C-alpha atoms as a PDB file:
ATOM      1  CA  UNK A   1     -25.668 -23.379 -29.474  1.00  0.00           C
ATOM      2  CA  UNK A   2     -23.374 -26.024 -30.912  1.00  0.00           C
ATOM      3  CA  UNK A   3     -20.868 -23.437 -32.204  1.00  0.00           C
ATOM      4  CA  UNK A   4     -20.238 -22.026 -28.727  1.00  0.00           C
ATOM      5  CA  UNK A   5     -18.791 -25.283 -27.439  1.00  0.00           C
ATOM      6  CA  UNK A   6     -15.582 -24.971 -29.500  1.00  0.00           C
ATOM      7  CA  UNK A   7     -14.493 -21.931 -27.434  1.00  0.00           C
ATOM      8  CA  UNK A   8     -12.625 -22.682 -24.224  1.00  0.00           C
ATOM      9  CA  UNK A   9     -14.722 -21.978 -21.150  1.00  0.00           C
ATOM     10  CA  UNK A  10     -17.988 -21.705 -23.059  1.00  0.00           C
ATOM     11  CA  UNK A  11     -20.879 -23.835 -21.841  1.00  0.00           C
ATOM     12  CA  UNK A  12     -21.647 -26.949 -23.829  1.00  0.00           C
ATOM     13  CA  UNK A  13     -25.147 -28.079 -24.667  1.00  0.00           C
ATOM     14  CA  UNK A  14     -26.965 -28.897 -21.445  1.00  0.00           C
ATOM     15  CA  UNK A  15     -24.467 -27.130 -19.168  1.00  0.00           C
ATOM     16  CA  UNK A  16     -24.111 -23.630 -17.798  1.00  0.00           C
ATOM     17  CA  UNK A  17     -21.290 -21.362 -16.676  1.00  0.00           C
ATOM     18  CA  UNK A  18     -21.811 -22.626 -13.114  1.00  0.00           C
ATOM     19  CA  UNK A  19     -20.628 -26.053 -14.258  1.00  0.00           C
ATOM     20  CA  UNK A  20     -17.285 -24.760 -15.534  1.00  0.00           C
ATOM     21  CA  UNK A  21     -14.381 -25.332 -13.091  1.00  0.00           C
ATOM     22  CA  UNK A  22     -12.594 -22.099 -14.091  1.00  0.00           C
ATOM     23  CA  UNK A  23     -15.576 -19.944 -13.172  1.00  0.00           C
ATOM     24  CA  UNK A  24     -16.008 -21.786  -9.864  1.00  0.00           C
ATOM     25  CA  UNK A  25     -12.316 -21.322  -9.058  1.00  0.00           C
ATOM     26  CA  UNK A  26     -12.443 -17.581  -9.804  1.00  0.00           C
ATOM     27  CA  UNK A  27     -15.543 -17.167  -7.668  1.00  0.00           C
ATOM     28  CA  UNK A  28     -13.862 -19.003  -4.785  1.00  0.00           C
ATOM     29  CA  UNK A  29     -10.780 -16.769  -5.113  1.00  0.00           C
ATOM     30  CA  UNK A  30     -12.914 -13.604  -5.021  1.00  0.00           C
ATOM     31  CA  UNK A  31     -14.633 -14.790  -1.858  1.00  0.00           C
ATOM     32  CA  UNK A  32     -11.275 -15.647  -0.238  1.00  0.00           C
ATOM     33  CA  UNK A  33      -9.696 -12.211  -0.751  1.00  0.00           C
ATOM     34  CA  UNK A  34      -9.881  -9.917   2.284  1.00  0.00           C
ATOM     35  CA  UNK A  35     -11.619  -6.556   2.019  1.00  0.00           C
ATOM     36  CA  UNK A  36      -8.521  -4.683   3.199  1.00  0.00           C
ATOM     37  CA  UNK A  37      -5.104  -6.256   3.270  1.00  0.00           C
ATOM     38  CA  UNK A  38      -3.402  -3.405   5.120  1.00  0.00           C
ATOM     39  CA  UNK A  39      -3.824  -1.469   8.328  1.00  0.00           C
ATOM     40  CA  UNK A  40      -5.308   1.944   7.552  1.00  0.00           C
ATOM     41  CA  UNK A  41      -4.499   4.840   9.838  1.00  0.00           C
ATOM     42  CA  UNK A  42      -7.547   5.459  12.013  1.00  0.00           C
ATOM     43  CA  UNK A  43      -9.853   8.378  11.264  1.00  0.00           C
ATOM     44  CA  UNK A  44      -9.195   9.809  14.721  1.00  0.00           C
ATOM     45  CA  UNK A  45      -5.521  10.274  13.860  1.00  0.00           C
ATOM     46  CA  UNK A  46      -6.416  11.590  10.442  1.00  0.00           C
ATOM     47  CA  UNK A  47      -8.600  14.282  12.012  1.00  0.00           C
ATOM     48  CA  UNK A  48      -5.702  15.526  14.147  1.00  0.00           C
ATOM     49  CA  UNK A  49      -3.603  16.115  11.061  1.00  0.00           C
ATOM     50  CA  UNK A  50      -5.806  18.970   9.882  1.00  0.00           C
ATOM     51  CA  UNK A  51      -6.048  20.997  13.088  1.00  0.00           C
ATOM     52  CA  UNK A  52      -3.329  23.084  14.753  1.00  0.00           C
ATOM     53  CA  UNK A  53      -1.841  20.109  16.628  1.00  0.00           C
ATOM     54  CA  UNK A  54      -1.900  18.007  13.468  1.00  0.00           C
ATOM     55  CA  UNK A  55       1.698  18.653  12.509  1.00  0.00           C
ATOM     56  CA  UNK A  56       2.858  16.600  15.490  1.00  0.00           C
ATOM     57  CA  UNK A  57       0.610  13.732  14.398  1.00  0.00           C
ATOM     58  CA  UNK A  58       2.668  13.001  11.279  1.00  0.00           C
ATOM     59  CA  UNK A  59       5.928  12.911  13.240  1.00  0.00           C
ATOM     60  CA  UNK A  60       4.328  10.645  15.841  1.00  0.00           C
ATOM     61  CA  UNK A  61       3.075   8.243  13.160  1.00  0.00           C
ATOM     62  CA  UNK A  62       6.517   8.040  11.564  1.00  0.00           C
ATOM     63  CA  UNK A  63       8.158   7.280  14.916  1.00  0.00           C
ATOM     64  CA  UNK A  64       5.588   4.698  16.070  1.00  0.00           C
ATOM     65  CA  UNK A  65       5.333   2.507  12.961  1.00  0.00           C
ATOM     66  CA  UNK A  66       8.014   0.153  11.669  1.00  0.00           C
ATOM     67  CA  UNK A  67       6.775   0.739   8.116  1.00  0.00           C
ATOM     68  CA  UNK A  68       4.593   3.709   7.206  1.00  0.00           C
ATOM     69  CA  UNK A  69       3.394   4.413   3.697  1.00  0.00           C
ATOM     70  CA  UNK A  70       2.200   7.874   2.647  1.00  0.00           C
ATOM     71  CA  UNK A  71       0.265   8.259  -0.585  1.00  0.00           C
ATOM     72  CA  UNK A  72      -2.589  10.116  -2.209  1.00  0.00           C
ATOM     73  CA  UNK A  73      -5.943   8.392  -1.850  1.00  0.00           C
ATOM     74  CA  UNK A  74      -6.454   6.029  -4.794  1.00  0.00           C
ATOM     75  CA  UNK A  75      -2.865   6.304  -6.098  1.00  0.00           C
ATOM     76  CA  UNK A  76      -1.918   3.267  -8.191  1.00  0.00           C
ATOM     77  CA  UNK A  77       1.782   3.550  -7.266  1.00  0.00           C
ATOM     78  CA  UNK A  78       0.849   3.502  -3.575  1.00  0.00           C
ATOM     79  CA  UNK A  79      -1.132   0.331  -4.230  1.00  0.00           C
ATOM     80  CA  UNK A  80       1.927  -1.260  -5.877  1.00  0.00           C
ATOM     81  CA  UNK A  81       4.061  -0.378  -2.837  1.00  0.00           C
ATOM     82  CA  UNK A  82       1.460  -1.885  -0.493  1.00  0.00           C
ATOM     83  CA  UNK A  83       1.274  -5.088  -2.517  1.00  0.00           C
ATOM     84  CA  UNK A  84       5.070  -5.427  -2.641  1.00  0.00           C
ATOM     85  CA  UNK A  85       5.395  -5.033   1.126  1.00  0.00           C
ATOM     86  CA  UNK A  86       2.480  -7.391   1.780  1.00  0.00           C
ATOM     87  CA  UNK A  87       4.083  -9.948  -0.532  1.00  0.00           C
ATOM     88  CA  UNK A  88       7.206  -9.856   1.641  1.00  0.00           C
ATOM     89  CA  UNK A  89       5.138 -10.444   4.780  1.00  0.00           C
ATOM     90  CA  UNK A  90       5.161  -6.852   6.030  1.00  0.00           C
ATOM     91  CA  UNK A  91       1.859  -5.253   6.991  1.00  0.00           C
ATOM     92  CA  UNK A  92       2.537  -1.520   6.555  1.00  0.00           C
ATOM     93  CA  UNK A  93       0.529   1.243   8.163  1.00  0.00           C
ATOM     94  CA  UNK A  94      -0.966   3.271   5.317  1.00  0.00           C
ATOM     95  CA  UNK A  95      -1.755   6.980   5.428  1.00  0.00           C
ATOM     96  CA  UNK A  96      -3.982   7.898   2.479  1.00  0.00           C
ATOM     97  CA  UNK A  97      -3.602  11.659   2.140  1.00  0.00           C
ATOM     98  CA  UNK A  98      -6.702  13.579   1.074  1.00  0.00           C
ATOM     99  CA  UNK A  99      -6.417  16.752  -1.018  1.00  0.00           C
ATOM    100  CA  UNK A 100      -7.524  19.025   1.826  1.00  0.00           C
ATOM    101  CA  UNK A 101      -4.852  17.716   4.208  1.00  0.00           C
ATOM    102  CA  UNK A 102      -2.062  17.236   1.674  1.00  0.00           C
ATOM    103  CA  UNK A 103      -0.435  20.625   2.308  1.00  0.00           C
ATOM    104  CA  UNK A 104      -0.345  20.028   6.088  1.00  0.00           C
ATOM    105  CA  UNK A 105       1.296  16.611   5.688  1.00  0.00           C
ATOM    106  CA  UNK A 106       3.812  17.943   3.155  1.00  0.00           C
ATOM    107  CA  UNK A 107       4.678  20.888   5.428  1.00  0.00           C
ATOM    108  CA  UNK A 108       5.285  18.572   8.393  1.00  0.00           C
ATOM    109  CA  UNK A 109       7.416  16.172   6.361  1.00  0.00           C
ATOM    110  CA  UNK A 110       9.382  19.170   5.063  1.00  0.00           C
ATOM    111  CA  UNK A 111      10.037  20.422   8.612  1.00  0.00           C
ATOM    112  CA  UNK A 112      11.296  16.936   9.476  1.00  0.00           C
ATOM    113  CA  UNK A 113      13.955  17.520   6.824  1.00  0.00           C
ATOM    114  CA  UNK A 114      12.598  14.947   4.425  1.00  0.00           C
ATOM    115  CA  UNK A 115      12.009  15.927   0.838  1.00  0.00           C
ATOM    116  CA  UNK A 116      12.568  15.416  -2.841  1.00  0.00           C
ATOM    117  CA  UNK A 117      14.715  17.362  -5.285  1.00  0.00           C
ATOM    118  CA  UNK A 118      13.275  20.734  -4.280  1.00  0.00           C
ATOM    119  CA  UNK A 119      13.131  19.872  -0.566  1.00  0.00           C
ATOM    120  CA  UNK A 120       9.438  18.941  -0.661  1.00  0.00           C
ATOM    121  CA  UNK A 121       8.364  15.306  -0.358  1.00  0.00           C
ATOM    122  CA  UNK A 122       6.669  13.612  -3.284  1.00  0.00           C
ATOM    123  CA  UNK A 123       4.024  10.914  -2.780  1.00  0.00           C
ATOM    124  CA  UNK A 124       4.028   7.980  -2.516  1.00  0.00           C
ATOM    125  CA  UNK A 125       6.826   7.492  -0.022  1.00  0.00           C
ATOM    126  CA  UNK A 126       7.667   4.967   2.632  1.00  0.00           C
ATOM    127  CA  UNK A 127       9.290   5.320   6.033  1.00  0.00           C
ATOM    128  CA  UNK A 128      11.064   2.258   7.391  1.00  0.00           C
ATOM    129  CA  UNK A 129      12.199   2.320  11.002  1.00  0.00           C
ATOM    130  CA  UNK A 130      11.312   6.011  11.355  1.00  0.00           C
ATOM    131  CA  UNK A 131      13.607   7.028   8.484  1.00  0.00           C
ATOM    132  CA  UNK A 132      12.533   8.091   4.997  1.00  0.00           C
ATOM    133  CA  UNK A 133      13.397   5.161   2.743  1.00  0.00           C
ATOM    134  CA  UNK A 134      12.128   6.649  -0.510  1.00  0.00           C
ATOM    135  CA  UNK A 135       9.493   6.321  -3.169  1.00  0.00           C
ATOM    136  CA  UNK A 136       8.425   3.522  -5.462  1.00  0.00           C
ATOM    137  CA  UNK A 137      11.668   3.528  -7.481  1.00  0.00           C
ATOM    138  CA  UNK A 138      13.842   3.171  -4.386  1.00  0.00           C
ATOM    139  CA  UNK A 139      11.582   0.469  -2.895  1.00  0.00           C
ATOM    140  CA  UNK A 140      11.536  -1.573  -6.119  1.00  0.00           C
ATOM    141  CA  UNK A 141      15.287  -1.153  -6.630  1.00  0.00           C
ATOM    142  CA  UNK A 142      16.046  -2.297  -3.086  1.00  0.00           C
ATOM    143  CA  UNK A 143      13.728  -5.280  -3.514  1.00  0.00           C
ATOM    144  CA  UNK A 144      15.331  -6.341  -6.799  1.00  0.00           C
ATOM    145  CA  UNK A 145      18.872  -5.946  -5.435  1.00  0.00           C
ATOM    146  CA  UNK A 146      18.019  -7.873  -2.252  1.00  0.00           C
ATOM    147  CA  UNK A 147      18.660  -4.931   0.081  1.00  0.00           C
ATOM    148  CA  UNK A 148      15.046  -4.464   1.199  1.00  0.00           C
ATOM    149  CA  UNK A 149      14.609  -7.551   3.400  1.00  0.00           C
ATOM    150  CA  UNK A 150      17.605  -6.767   5.671  1.00  0.00           C
ATOM    151  CA  UNK A 151      16.361  -3.183   6.100  1.00  0.00           C
ATOM    152  CA  UNK A 152      12.894  -4.448   7.047  1.00  0.00           C
ATOM    153  CA  UNK A 153      14.394  -6.958   9.504  1.00  0.00           C
ATOM    154  CA  UNK A 154      16.511  -4.245  11.122  1.00  0.00           C
ATOM    155  CA  UNK A 155      13.420  -2.034  11.535  1.00  0.00           C
ATOM    156  CA  UNK A 156      11.515  -4.897  13.193  1.00  0.00           C
ATOM    157  CA  UNK A 157       8.923  -5.137  10.434  1.00  0.00           C
ATOM    158  CA  UNK A 158       9.975  -8.615   9.348  1.00  0.00           C
ATOM    159  CA  UNK A 159      10.835 -11.459  11.714  1.00  0.00           C
ATOM    160  CA  UNK A 160      12.279 -14.133   9.443  1.00  0.00           C
END
């Protein structure tokens, strides 16, 4: 037991991990974090996307939200975009696209005239003020150059 005490954070003789301030701090931080830090698109809207009227749902979502993020469910790049926007004080609406509805969403975004190099959109992507802003590279570049905050203010997503 005596050899463990020379390592930082290890319990000393007569103490336990509960007594260590670092462990207590980490536990308090875990309890303070919210379950979801963004507004997910409701399941009722998601259901419309798949049926015959679903194509209009995507257009409606883009028009109604100041910031709308499209990404595949569980995408790490989408998570980075969410965290960046949340860090700036913007609470984006997030549309996690499932595999079975991906083709419908892509088709609707294509008919809106929004797409990548081949004319088809690539996830993740963000709409700001109803206009396609771009993907992760464009969002990060605009943030680093200082262009992102004015765009968010103009769209009404940021009130500072």
